[in-house]
Amino acid sequence: MTNEYDISVATPDDVSGIIALQEPNLPANGGTLSVRQPADWFTKAILEKSVVVARRDGKVVGYVLGTSLADNAHIPIIQAMLNAYPAPSECYLYGPVCVAESERGLGLALALFEVLQKHMAGRPAMTFVRTDNAPSRRAHQKMGMRELGIFLSEDVPYVALAYTT
């Protein structure tokens, strides 16, 4: 079913669609994304070619980021993950990944990851997921990520995951 999507590196025209998809997936709205990012943050990531989006009929229905660990090292949850599980060299931070509720279970997260991995030249990646987010954990395992173990951030348990070629 992933052939119904246009999956590519995001452009500045995708920012409003990314923000619209982010909002219902934030914890305050019942979602599981860890951090709200403003439009200018996404614009910067897009200009750095760090965002892959999926569009269906021109609408953003999924996105994933691949950003520098160093650029994110000031974020407490990233610090906690890296303190517990140091990153391999050349590693980037995978995520967040966000898929519209209507598109879940169709393999879109995997398709986004595959395009991102090609774009990132197969470099190793690390990410984290709340331990209670079983669907996300299963999806990441299907992507070939392995669970490194559990760490805490603000008393919330997360599992660190890694992808290596």
N, C-alpha and C. Protein backbone atom coordinates (compact mmCIF):
# COMPACT_ATOMS: atom_id res chain seq x y z
N MET A 1 0.81 -1.20 0.00
CA MET A 1 0.00 0.00 0.00
C MET A 1 0.86 1.27 0.00
N THR A 2 2.15 1.15 0.27
CA THR A 2 3.00 2.33 0.32
C THR A 2 3.19 2.96 -1.06
N ASN A 3 2.78 2.28 -2.14
CA ASN A 3 2.89 2.89 -3.46
C ASN A 3 1.88 4.00 -3.67
N GLU A 4 0.96 4.18 -2.74
CA GLU A 4 -0.02 5.26 -2.82
C GLU A 4 0.54 6.58 -2.29
N TYR A 5 1.78 6.56 -1.84
CA TYR A 5 2.38 7.73 -1.22
C TYR A 5 3.50 8.30 -2.09
N ASP A 6 3.68 9.61 -2.00
CA ASP A 6 4.86 10.28 -2.54
C ASP A 6 5.77 10.48 -1.33
N ILE A 7 6.88 9.75 -1.28
CA ILE A 7 7.81 9.84 -0.16
C ILE A 7 9.12 10.43 -0.67
N SER A 8 9.51 11.55 -0.07
CA SER A 8 10.73 12.24 -0.52
C SER A 8 11.23 13.16 0.57
N VAL A 9 12.41 13.72 0.33
CA VAL A 9 12.96 14.74 1.23
C VAL A 9 11.99 15.92 1.21
N ALA A 10 11.69 16.44 2.39
CA ALA A 10 10.72 17.53 2.52
C ALA A 10 11.22 18.82 1.91
N THR A 11 10.27 19.67 1.55
CA THR A 11 10.56 21.01 1.06
C THR A 11 9.91 22.02 2.01
N PRO A 12 10.30 23.28 1.92
CA PRO A 12 9.66 24.28 2.79
C PRO A 12 8.13 24.32 2.65
N ASP A 13 7.60 23.92 1.51
CA ASP A 13 6.14 23.90 1.33
C ASP A 13 5.46 22.87 2.23
N ASP A 14 6.23 21.93 2.78
CA ASP A 14 5.66 20.88 3.63
C ASP A 14 5.51 21.28 5.09
N VAL A 15 6.08 22.41 5.51
CA VAL A 15 6.09 22.79 6.93
C VAL A 15 4.69 22.86 7.51
N SER A 16 3.76 23.52 6.85
CA SER A 16 2.42 23.65 7.43
C SER A 16 1.75 22.28 7.58
N GLY A 17 1.97 21.37 6.65
CA GLY A 17 1.42 20.02 6.76
C GLY A 17 2.06 19.23 7.89
N ILE A 18 3.36 19.43 8.09
CA ILE A 18 4.07 18.75 9.19
C ILE A 18 3.53 19.24 10.53
N ILE A 19 3.38 20.56 10.67
CA ILE A 19 2.85 21.14 11.91
C ILE A 19 1.42 20.64 12.15
N ALA A 20 0.61 20.60 11.10
CA ALA A 20 -0.77 20.12 11.25
C ALA A 20 -0.81 18.66 11.68
N LEU A 21 0.13 17.85 11.23
CA LEU A 21 0.20 16.45 11.63
C LEU A 21 0.77 16.29 13.04
N GLN A 22 1.71 17.15 13.40
CA GLN A 22 2.32 17.08 14.73
C GLN A 22 1.30 17.32 15.85
N GLU A 23 0.46 18.30 15.69
CA GLU A 23 -0.43 18.74 16.77
C GLU A 23 -1.29 17.64 17.38
N PRO A 24 -2.04 16.86 16.60
CA PRO A 24 -2.88 15.85 17.24
C PRO A 24 -2.08 14.69 17.85
N ASN A 25 -0.79 14.66 17.57
CA ASN A 25 0.05 13.57 18.06
C ASN A 25 0.90 13.96 19.27
N LEU A 26 0.65 15.13 19.82
CA LEU A 26 1.34 15.57 21.04
C LEU A 26 0.59 15.03 22.27
N PRO A 27 1.30 14.81 23.38
CA PRO A 27 0.66 14.24 24.58
C PRO A 27 -0.57 15.02 25.05
N ALA A 28 -0.54 16.33 24.95
CA ALA A 28 -1.68 17.14 25.40
C ALA A 28 -2.94 16.84 24.60
N ASN A 29 -2.75 16.27 23.40
CA ASN A 29 -3.87 15.95 22.53
C ASN A 29 -4.09 14.44 22.40
N GLY A 30 -3.48 13.68 23.31
CA GLY A 30 -3.66 12.23 23.32
C GLY A 30 -2.64 11.45 22.52
N GLY A 31 -1.62 12.12 21.98
CA GLY A 31 -0.59 11.45 21.18
C GLY A 31 0.63 11.08 21.99
N THR A 32 1.65 10.57 21.30
CA THR A 32 2.84 10.09 21.99
C THR A 32 4.14 10.78 21.55
N LEU A 33 4.07 11.83 20.74
CA LEU A 33 5.29 12.56 20.41
C LEU A 33 5.85 13.17 21.69
N SER A 34 7.16 13.19 21.81
CA SER A 34 7.78 13.67 23.05
C SER A 34 7.92 15.18 23.13
N VAL A 35 8.12 15.83 21.99
CA VAL A 35 8.44 17.26 21.98
C VAL A 35 7.70 17.97 20.87
N ARG A 36 7.10 19.13 21.17
CA ARG A 36 6.52 19.99 20.13
C ARG A 36 7.66 20.82 19.55
N GLN A 37 7.77 20.78 18.24
CA GLN A 37 8.77 21.60 17.56
C GLN A 37 8.05 22.70 16.79
N PRO A 38 8.60 23.94 16.84
CA PRO A 38 7.97 25.04 16.11
C PRO A 38 8.28 24.98 14.61
N ALA A 39 7.52 25.72 13.85
CA ALA A 39 7.68 25.74 12.40
C ALA A 39 9.09 26.10 11.97
N ASP A 40 9.72 27.07 12.66
CA ASP A 40 11.08 27.46 12.24
C ASP A 40 12.09 26.35 12.48
N TRP A 41 11.86 25.49 13.47
CA TRP A 41 12.75 24.35 13.70
C TRP A 41 12.64 23.37 12.53
N PHE A 42 11.40 23.09 12.10
CA PHE A 42 11.21 22.21 10.95
C PHE A 42 11.78 22.83 9.68
N THR A 43 11.62 24.14 9.51
CA THR A 43 12.18 24.81 8.33
C THR A 43 13.69 24.64 8.30
N LYS A 44 14.35 24.83 9.43
CA LYS A 44 15.81 24.65 9.49
C LYS A 44 16.18 23.21 9.16
N ALA A 45 15.47 22.25 9.73
CA ALA A 45 15.75 20.83 9.45
C ALA A 45 15.54 20.52 7.97
N ILE A 46 14.52 21.11 7.37
CA ILE A 46 14.26 20.89 5.94
C ILE A 46 15.39 21.47 5.10
N LEU A 47 15.85 22.65 5.46
CA LEU A 47 16.95 23.27 4.71
C LEU A 47 18.24 22.45 4.84
N GLU A 48 18.37 21.71 5.94
CA GLU A 48 19.52 20.83 6.14
C GLU A 48 19.28 19.45 5.54
N LYS A 49 18.16 19.29 4.86
CA LYS A 49 17.79 18.01 4.20
C LYS A 49 17.68 16.88 5.21
N SER A 50 17.09 17.16 6.38
CA SER A 50 16.98 16.20 7.47
C SER A 50 15.57 15.65 7.68
N VAL A 51 14.64 15.98 6.80
CA VAL A 51 13.25 15.57 6.97
C VAL A 51 12.77 14.83 5.72
N VAL A 52 12.15 13.69 5.94
CA VAL A 52 11.50 12.93 4.86
C VAL A 52 10.01 12.94 5.16
N VAL A 53 9.21 13.22 4.14
CA VAL A 53 7.76 13.24 4.31
C VAL A 53 7.08 12.25 3.38
N ALA A 54 5.90 11.84 3.79
CA ALA A 54 5.01 11.06 2.94
C ALA A 54 3.79 11.91 2.67
N ARG A 55 3.42 11.98 1.40
CA ARG A 55 2.24 12.73 1.01
C ARG A 55 1.26 11.78 0.32
N ARG A 56 0.01 11.96 0.61
CA ARG A 56 -1.05 11.25 -0.11
C ARG A 56 -1.97 12.34 -0.65
N ASP A 57 -2.16 12.33 -1.95
CA ASP A 57 -2.99 13.35 -2.60
C ASP A 57 -2.54 14.77 -2.21
N GLY A 58 -1.22 14.96 -2.10
CA GLY A 58 -0.66 16.27 -1.80
C GLY A 58 -0.65 16.66 -0.33
N LYS A 59 -1.23 15.85 0.53
CA LYS A 59 -1.31 16.15 1.96
C LYS A 59 -0.25 15.36 2.72
N VAL A 60 0.46 16.03 3.65
CA VAL A 60 1.46 15.35 4.48
C VAL A 60 0.74 14.41 5.43
N VAL A 61 1.08 13.11 5.33
CA VAL A 61 0.45 12.10 6.19
C VAL A 61 1.49 11.36 7.03
N GLY A 62 2.75 11.75 6.88
CA GLY A 62 3.80 11.15 7.69
C GLY A 62 5.10 11.91 7.51
N TYR A 63 5.92 11.87 8.55
CA TYR A 63 7.25 12.46 8.45
C TYR A 63 8.19 11.77 9.42
N VAL A 64 9.47 11.89 9.10
CA VAL A 64 10.53 11.39 9.97
C VAL A 64 11.73 12.32 9.81
N LEU A 65 12.48 12.45 10.90
CA LEU A 65 13.68 13.27 10.86
C LEU A 65 14.91 12.42 11.11
N GLY A 66 16.00 12.86 10.54
CA GLY A 66 17.32 12.29 10.79
C GLY A 66 18.26 13.45 11.04
N THR A 67 18.52 13.74 12.30
CA THR A 67 19.29 14.93 12.65
C THR A 67 20.56 14.56 13.42
N SER A 68 21.43 15.50 13.52
CA SER A 68 22.70 15.32 14.21
C SER A 68 22.49 15.12 15.71
N LEU A 69 23.15 14.10 16.25
CA LEU A 69 23.10 13.92 17.71
C LEU A 69 23.70 15.14 18.42
N ALA A 70 24.77 15.68 17.87
CA ALA A 70 25.41 16.84 18.49
C ALA A 70 24.45 18.03 18.56
N ASP A 71 23.65 18.23 17.52
CA ASP A 71 22.70 19.34 17.51
C ASP A 71 21.58 19.15 18.52
N ASN A 72 21.39 17.93 18.99
CA ASN A 72 20.32 17.63 19.94
C ASN A 72 20.82 17.30 21.34
N ALA A 73 22.12 17.37 21.54
CA ALA A 73 22.72 16.95 22.81
C ALA A 73 22.27 17.79 24.00
N HIS A 74 21.73 18.97 23.77
CA HIS A 74 21.27 19.83 24.87
C HIS A 74 19.88 19.43 25.38
N ILE A 75 19.19 18.55 24.66
CA ILE A 75 17.83 18.15 25.05
C ILE A 75 17.94 17.08 26.14
N PRO A 76 17.30 17.31 27.29
CA PRO A 76 17.46 16.39 28.42
C PRO A 76 17.21 14.91 28.11
N ILE A 77 16.17 14.60 27.33
CA ILE A 77 15.88 13.19 27.05
C ILE A 77 16.99 12.57 26.18
N ILE A 78 17.56 13.35 25.29
CA ILE A 78 18.67 12.86 24.46
C ILE A 78 19.90 12.64 25.34
N GLN A 79 20.16 13.58 26.25
CA GLN A 79 21.27 13.42 27.19
C GLN A 79 21.11 12.15 28.00
N ALA A 80 19.90 11.89 28.49
CA ALA A 80 19.67 10.69 29.30
C ALA A 80 19.92 9.42 28.48
N MET A 81 19.45 9.41 27.23
CA MET A 81 19.66 8.24 26.38
C MET A 81 21.15 8.02 26.12
N LEU A 82 21.86 9.09 25.77
CA LEU A 82 23.28 8.96 25.43
C LEU A 82 24.13 8.64 26.65
N ASN A 83 23.72 9.10 27.83
CA ASN A 83 24.45 8.74 29.05
C ASN A 83 24.32 7.24 29.33
N ALA A 84 23.14 6.70 29.05
CA ALA A 84 22.90 5.28 29.29
C ALA A 84 23.47 4.41 28.16
N TYR A 85 23.41 4.92 26.92
CA TYR A 85 23.82 4.14 25.75
C TYR A 85 24.57 5.04 24.78
N PRO A 86 25.90 5.11 24.92
CA PRO A 86 26.69 5.97 24.03
C PRO A 86 26.49 5.58 22.56
N ALA A 87 26.51 6.59 21.72
CA ALA A 87 26.26 6.39 20.29
C ALA A 87 27.52 5.95 19.55
N PRO A 88 27.34 5.10 18.54
CA PRO A 88 28.49 4.77 17.68
C PRO A 88 28.88 5.98 16.83
N SER A 89 30.07 5.96 16.29
CA SER A 89 30.50 7.09 15.46
C SER A 89 29.62 7.18 14.21
N GLU A 90 29.49 8.37 13.69
CA GLU A 90 28.68 8.66 12.49
C GLU A 90 27.18 8.47 12.71
N CYS A 91 26.78 8.26 13.95
CA CYS A 91 25.38 8.00 14.27
C CYS A 91 24.56 9.29 14.19
N TYR A 92 23.33 9.15 13.71
CA TYR A 92 22.40 10.28 13.72
C TYR A 92 21.20 9.92 14.59
N LEU A 93 20.44 10.94 14.96
CA LEU A 93 19.23 10.75 15.75
C LEU A 93 18.07 10.53 14.80
N TYR A 94 17.45 9.37 14.89
CA TYR A 94 16.28 9.03 14.08
C TYR A 94 15.04 9.47 14.85
N GLY A 95 14.24 10.27 14.21
CA GLY A 95 12.97 10.66 14.79
C GLY A 95 12.91 12.13 15.19
N PRO A 96 11.75 12.55 15.50
CA PRO A 96 10.58 11.72 15.66
C PRO A 96 10.04 11.24 14.32
N VAL A 97 9.28 10.18 14.39
CA VAL A 97 8.50 9.69 13.25
C VAL A 97 7.05 9.89 13.63
N CYS A 98 6.28 10.38 12.70
CA CYS A 98 4.87 10.66 12.97
C CYS A 98 4.07 10.25 11.74
N VAL A 99 3.06 9.43 11.96
CA VAL A 99 2.19 8.95 10.89
C VAL A 99 0.76 9.27 11.28
N ALA A 100 0.01 9.82 10.34
CA ALA A 100 -1.40 10.14 10.59
C ALA A 100 -2.14 8.89 11.03
N GLU A 101 -3.05 9.06 11.96
CA GLU A 101 -3.78 7.91 12.51
C GLU A 101 -4.44 7.09 11.39
N SER A 102 -4.94 7.76 10.36
CA SER A 102 -5.62 7.07 9.25
C SER A 102 -4.67 6.21 8.42
N GLU A 103 -3.36 6.42 8.57
CA GLU A 103 -2.38 5.72 7.74
C GLU A 103 -1.60 4.66 8.52
N ARG A 104 -1.87 4.50 9.79
CA ARG A 104 -1.10 3.57 10.62
C ARG A 104 -1.41 2.12 10.27
N GLY A 105 -0.39 1.28 10.45
CA GLY A 105 -0.55 -0.14 10.20
C GLY A 105 -0.42 -0.52 8.74
N LEU A 106 -0.03 0.41 7.90
CA LEU A 106 0.08 0.16 6.46
C LEU A 106 1.52 0.08 5.97
N GLY A 107 2.48 0.14 6.90
CA GLY A 107 3.89 0.07 6.51
C GLY A 107 4.51 1.41 6.18
N LEU A 108 3.82 2.50 6.48
CA LEU A 108 4.34 3.81 6.12
C LEU A 108 5.56 4.20 6.93
N ALA A 109 5.59 3.89 8.22
CA ALA A 109 6.78 4.22 9.03
C ALA A 109 8.01 3.52 8.47
N LEU A 110 7.88 2.27 8.09
CA LEU A 110 9.00 1.54 7.50
C LEU A 110 9.42 2.17 6.18
N ALA A 111 8.46 2.53 5.34
CA ALA A 111 8.79 3.16 4.06
C ALA A 111 9.51 4.50 4.26
N LEU A 112 9.06 5.29 5.24
CA LEU A 112 9.74 6.55 5.55
C LEU A 112 11.18 6.28 6.00
N PHE A 113 11.35 5.28 6.88
CA PHE A 113 12.68 4.95 7.38
C PHE A 113 13.60 4.50 6.25
N GLU A 114 13.09 3.70 5.33
CA GLU A 114 13.92 3.22 4.22
C GLU A 114 14.41 4.37 3.35
N VAL A 115 13.55 5.34 3.08
CA VAL A 115 13.96 6.51 2.29
C VAL A 115 14.97 7.33 3.08
N LEU A 116 14.74 7.51 4.38
CA LEU A 116 15.68 8.25 5.21
C LEU A 116 17.04 7.56 5.25
N GLN A 117 17.05 6.24 5.41
CA GLN A 117 18.31 5.49 5.47
C GLN A 117 19.10 5.64 4.17
N LYS A 118 18.42 5.61 3.03
CA LYS A 118 19.12 5.84 1.75
C LYS A 118 19.70 7.24 1.72
N HIS A 119 18.90 8.19 2.15
CA HIS A 119 19.34 9.59 2.18
C HIS A 119 20.53 9.79 3.12
N MET A 120 20.55 9.05 4.23
CA MET A 120 21.63 9.17 5.22
C MET A 120 22.77 8.19 4.93
N ALA A 121 22.76 7.59 3.76
CA ALA A 121 23.84 6.71 3.30
C ALA A 121 24.07 5.52 4.23
N GLY A 122 22.99 5.01 4.83
CA GLY A 122 23.10 3.81 5.65
C GLY A 122 23.80 3.98 6.98
N ARG A 123 24.00 5.22 7.42
CA ARG A 123 24.67 5.46 8.71
C ARG A 123 23.87 4.85 9.86
N PRO A 124 24.56 4.55 10.99
CA PRO A 124 23.83 4.06 12.16
C PRO A 124 22.90 5.14 12.72
N ALA A 125 21.84 4.70 13.35
CA ALA A 125 20.85 5.62 13.92
C ALA A 125 20.48 5.17 15.32
N MET A 126 20.07 6.13 16.13
CA MET A 126 19.53 5.85 17.47
C MET A 126 18.24 6.62 17.64
N THR A 127 17.37 6.06 18.47
CA THR A 127 16.12 6.72 18.79
C THR A 127 15.63 6.20 20.13
N PHE A 128 14.49 6.68 20.56
CA PHE A 128 13.89 6.21 21.81
C PHE A 128 12.38 6.20 21.65
N VAL A 129 11.74 5.36 22.45
CA VAL A 129 10.29 5.22 22.45
C VAL A 129 9.87 4.99 23.89
N ARG A 130 8.74 5.55 24.28
CA ARG A 130 8.22 5.24 25.61
C ARG A 130 8.02 3.74 25.72
N THR A 131 8.34 3.19 26.87
CA THR A 131 8.22 1.74 27.04
C THR A 131 6.78 1.25 26.88
N ASP A 132 5.80 2.12 27.14
CA ASP A 132 4.40 1.70 27.03
C ASP A 132 3.81 1.88 25.63
N ASN A 133 4.64 2.28 24.67
CA ASN A 133 4.17 2.48 23.30
C ASN A 133 4.48 1.23 22.47
N ALA A 134 3.73 0.17 22.73
CA ALA A 134 3.97 -1.12 22.08
C ALA A 134 3.89 -1.06 20.55
N PRO A 135 2.93 -0.34 19.95
CA PRO A 135 2.90 -0.30 18.48
C PRO A 135 4.17 0.31 17.89
N SER A 136 4.68 1.36 18.50
CA SER A 136 5.91 1.99 18.00
C SER A 136 7.11 1.06 18.18
N ARG A 137 7.15 0.38 19.30
CA ARG A 137 8.26 -0.56 19.53
C ARG A 137 8.25 -1.66 18.48
N ARG A 138 7.07 -2.20 18.18
CA ARG A 138 6.97 -3.24 17.15
C ARG A 138 7.38 -2.70 15.79
N ALA A 139 6.93 -1.49 15.46
CA ALA A 139 7.27 -0.89 14.17
C ALA A 139 8.77 -0.71 14.03
N HIS A 140 9.43 -0.25 15.10
CA HIS A 140 10.88 -0.04 15.04
C HIS A 140 11.63 -1.36 14.93
N GLN A 141 11.14 -2.39 15.57
CA GLN A 141 11.78 -3.71 15.43
C GLN A 141 11.64 -4.22 14.00
N LYS A 142 10.50 -3.97 13.36
CA LYS A 142 10.31 -4.36 11.96
C LYS A 142 11.28 -3.62 11.04
N MET A 143 11.71 -2.43 11.46
CA MET A 143 12.68 -1.65 10.68
C MET A 143 14.10 -2.19 10.83
N GLY A 144 14.27 -3.16 11.71
CA GLY A 144 15.60 -3.70 11.94
C GLY A 144 16.32 -3.05 13.10
N MET A 145 15.60 -2.25 13.88
CA MET A 145 16.22 -1.64 15.05
C MET A 145 16.20 -2.64 16.19
N ARG A 146 17.22 -2.56 17.03
CA ARG A 146 17.27 -3.44 18.19
C ARG A 146 17.18 -2.59 19.45
N GLU A 147 16.52 -3.14 20.44
CA GLU A 147 16.38 -2.43 21.71
C GLU A 147 17.67 -2.57 22.49
N LEU A 148 18.19 -1.41 22.92
CA LEU A 148 19.42 -1.39 23.71
C LEU A 148 19.13 -1.57 25.19
N GLY A 149 17.99 -1.06 25.64
CA GLY A 149 17.63 -1.14 27.04
C GLY A 149 16.80 0.07 27.44
N ILE A 150 16.48 0.11 28.71
CA ILE A 150 15.59 1.15 29.24
C ILE A 150 16.40 2.23 29.94
N PHE A 151 15.94 3.47 29.79
CA PHE A 151 16.49 4.60 30.53
C PHE A 151 15.33 5.48 30.98
N LEU A 152 15.59 6.32 31.97
CA LEU A 152 14.57 7.21 32.50
C LEU A 152 14.87 8.65 32.11
N SER A 153 13.81 9.38 31.82
CA SER A 153 13.90 10.82 31.62
C SER A 153 12.68 11.42 32.31
N GLU A 154 12.93 12.28 33.29
CA GLU A 154 11.86 12.87 34.09
C GLU A 154 10.93 11.79 34.66
N ASP A 155 11.54 10.73 35.15
CA ASP A 155 10.84 9.60 35.78
C ASP A 155 9.94 8.81 34.83
N VAL A 156 10.09 9.02 33.52
CA VAL A 156 9.33 8.26 32.52
C VAL A 156 10.28 7.26 31.89
N PRO A 157 9.90 5.97 31.83
CA PRO A 157 10.78 4.98 31.23
C PRO A 157 10.66 4.97 29.68
N TYR A 158 11.82 4.95 29.05
CA TYR A 158 11.93 4.88 27.59
C TYR A 158 12.85 3.73 27.25
N VAL A 159 12.69 3.21 26.06
CA VAL A 159 13.62 2.21 25.56
C VAL A 159 14.44 2.88 24.44
N ALA A 160 15.76 2.70 24.53
CA ALA A 160 16.66 3.19 23.49
C ALA A 160 16.76 2.13 22.41
N LEU A 161 16.75 2.56 21.16
CA LEU A 161 16.86 1.64 20.03
C LEU A 161 17.99 2.09 19.11
N ALA A 162 18.57 1.13 18.41
CA ALA A 162 19.66 1.46 17.51
C ALA A 162 19.49 0.68 16.20
N TYR A 163 19.92 1.31 15.13
CA TYR A 163 19.97 0.66 13.83
C TYR A 163 21.41 0.73 13.36
N THR A 164 21.96 -0.41 13.05
CA THR A 164 23.31 -0.46 12.49
C THR A 164 23.28 -1.39 11.29
N THR A 165 24.10 -1.05 10.32
CA THR A 165 24.13 -1.88 9.10
C THR A 165 25.07 -3.03 9.25
